[in-house]
């Protein structure tokens, strides 16, 4: 058993890794803090002006990268919630690199659509 604290630490690392990789995309908006103690595994990201992710973004991330996302369109939060599939989730490159590449590509495609 790897223990709850190690799982939490790993999930927090994976979330922050992909968030760091996409933070320089123009008009990106984070709704989840990257600070310790906030967000753990779940990251919510959207775009300015506020708009939720499209079904195309959801489909792309899942079909191409097996990244599960849920569209969030609630009060002042408009974007996608990205959650890890597993702690260690890909065979080729590391899971964090794979997730970051997928999210980065998906976000850039989404920006081109709108």
Protein backbone atom coordinates (compact mmCIF):
# COMPACT_ATOMS: atom_id res chain seq x y z
CA UNK A 1 0.00 0.00 0.00
CA UNK A 2 1.34 3.43 -0.86
CA UNK A 3 -0.71 5.34 1.72
CA UNK A 4 -3.08 8.27 1.58
CA UNK A 5 -0.43 10.94 2.03
CA UNK A 6 1.69 9.64 -0.85
CA UNK A 7 -1.40 9.42 -3.09
CA UNK A 8 -2.38 12.97 -2.21
CA UNK A 9 1.14 14.24 -2.89
CA UNK A 10 1.27 12.44 -6.26
CA UNK A 11 -2.15 13.71 -7.35
CA UNK A 12 -1.24 17.26 -6.37
CA UNK A 13 2.01 16.97 -8.34
CA UNK A 14 0.21 15.69 -11.47
CA UNK A 15 -2.38 18.48 -11.34
CA UNK A 16 0.23 21.20 -10.90
CA UNK A 17 2.44 19.70 -13.62
CA UNK A 18 -0.16 20.05 -16.36
CA UNK A 19 -1.31 23.42 -15.01
CA UNK A 20 2.26 24.75 -15.21
CA UNK A 21 2.49 23.47 -18.79
CA UNK A 22 -0.58 25.42 -19.97
CA UNK A 23 -0.40 28.59 -17.89
CA UNK A 24 1.29 30.58 -20.68
CA UNK A 25 -1.52 29.97 -23.19
CA UNK A 26 -3.22 33.31 -23.91
CA UNK A 27 -6.54 33.93 -22.17
CA UNK A 28 -6.26 30.87 -19.93
CA UNK A 29 -8.07 31.16 -16.59
CA UNK A 30 -7.45 28.84 -13.63
CA UNK A 31 -10.24 28.27 -11.16
CA UNK A 32 -8.14 25.92 -9.01
CA UNK A 33 -5.21 27.12 -6.96
CA UNK A 34 -1.76 25.62 -7.43
CA UNK A 35 -0.96 26.30 -3.77
CA UNK A 36 -0.45 23.41 -1.39
CA UNK A 37 -3.63 22.41 0.36
CA UNK A 38 -5.92 23.44 -2.50
CA UNK A 39 -7.34 21.33 -5.30
CA UNK A 40 -5.33 18.16 -4.71
CA UNK A 41 -6.11 16.18 -7.90
CA UNK A 42 -8.76 18.27 -9.64
CA UNK A 43 -7.93 21.23 -11.82
CA UNK A 44 -10.53 23.54 -13.35
CA UNK A 45 -9.41 25.67 -16.26
CA UNK A 46 -11.24 27.93 -18.69
CA UNK A 47 -10.72 30.87 -21.01
CA UNK A 48 -11.24 34.61 -20.98
CA UNK A 49 -13.75 35.84 -21.91
CA UNK A 50 -15.52 33.32 -19.72
CA UNK A 51 -16.80 30.34 -21.63
CA UNK A 52 -17.05 26.65 -20.96
CA UNK A 53 -15.12 24.04 -22.89
CA UNK A 54 -16.77 22.54 -25.93
CA UNK A 55 -17.78 18.94 -26.57
CA UNK A 56 -14.95 18.96 -29.14
CA UNK A 57 -12.42 19.66 -26.37
CA UNK A 58 -13.87 16.90 -24.17
CA UNK A 59 -13.81 14.43 -27.07
CA UNK A 60 -10.29 15.34 -28.13
CA UNK A 61 -8.82 14.99 -24.65
CA UNK A 62 -10.52 11.67 -24.00
CA UNK A 63 -10.10 10.07 -27.43
CA UNK A 64 -6.51 11.17 -28.02
CA UNK A 65 -5.10 11.20 -24.48
CA UNK A 66 -7.62 9.32 -22.29
CA UNK A 67 -7.98 12.43 -20.14
CA UNK A 68 -11.41 12.61 -18.54
CA UNK A 69 -12.89 16.10 -18.33
CA UNK A 70 -16.26 17.48 -17.32
CA UNK A 71 -17.61 20.78 -18.59
CA UNK A 72 -18.29 23.26 -15.80
CA UNK A 73 -20.70 26.12 -16.42
CA UNK A 74 -21.81 27.28 -13.00
CA UNK A 75 -22.07 30.80 -11.59
CA UNK A 76 -18.69 32.44 -12.35
CA UNK A 77 -16.87 29.22 -13.27
CA UNK A 78 -16.82 28.36 -16.97
CA UNK A 79 -14.35 25.76 -18.20
CA UNK A 80 -13.45 22.11 -17.84
CA UNK A 81 -12.64 20.08 -14.74
CA UNK A 82 -9.71 17.78 -15.40
CA UNK A 83 -9.21 14.77 -13.16
CA UNK A 84 -6.56 12.07 -13.21
CA UNK A 85 -7.55 8.68 -14.54
CA UNK A 86 -5.03 6.87 -12.38
CA UNK A 87 -1.98 7.83 -10.38
CA UNK A 88 0.34 6.46 -13.06
CA UNK A 89 -1.61 6.56 -16.27
CA UNK A 90 0.43 6.17 -19.41
CA UNK A 91 2.95 3.74 -20.86
CA UNK A 92 5.01 5.87 -23.29
CA UNK A 93 6.22 9.05 -21.65
CA UNK A 94 5.52 9.79 -18.03
CA UNK A 95 1.89 10.37 -17.07
CA UNK A 96 2.48 14.00 -16.21
CA UNK A 97 4.11 14.76 -19.59
CA UNK A 98 1.34 12.93 -21.42
CA UNK A 99 -1.40 14.83 -19.56
CA UNK A 100 0.32 18.19 -20.00
CA UNK A 101 0.81 17.63 -23.74
CA UNK A 102 -2.82 16.64 -24.20
CA UNK A 103 -4.24 19.54 -22.22
CA UNK A 104 -1.93 22.01 -23.97
CA UNK A 105 -2.91 20.75 -27.43
CA UNK A 106 -6.60 20.66 -26.54
CA UNK A 107 -6.61 24.17 -25.11
CA UNK A 108 -4.85 25.60 -28.15
CA UNK A 109 -7.33 23.88 -30.48
CA UNK A 110 -10.20 25.21 -28.38
CA UNK A 111 -8.91 28.76 -28.65
CA UNK A 112 -8.72 28.46 -32.45
CA UNK A 113 -12.37 27.30 -32.60
CA UNK A 114 -13.81 30.35 -30.89
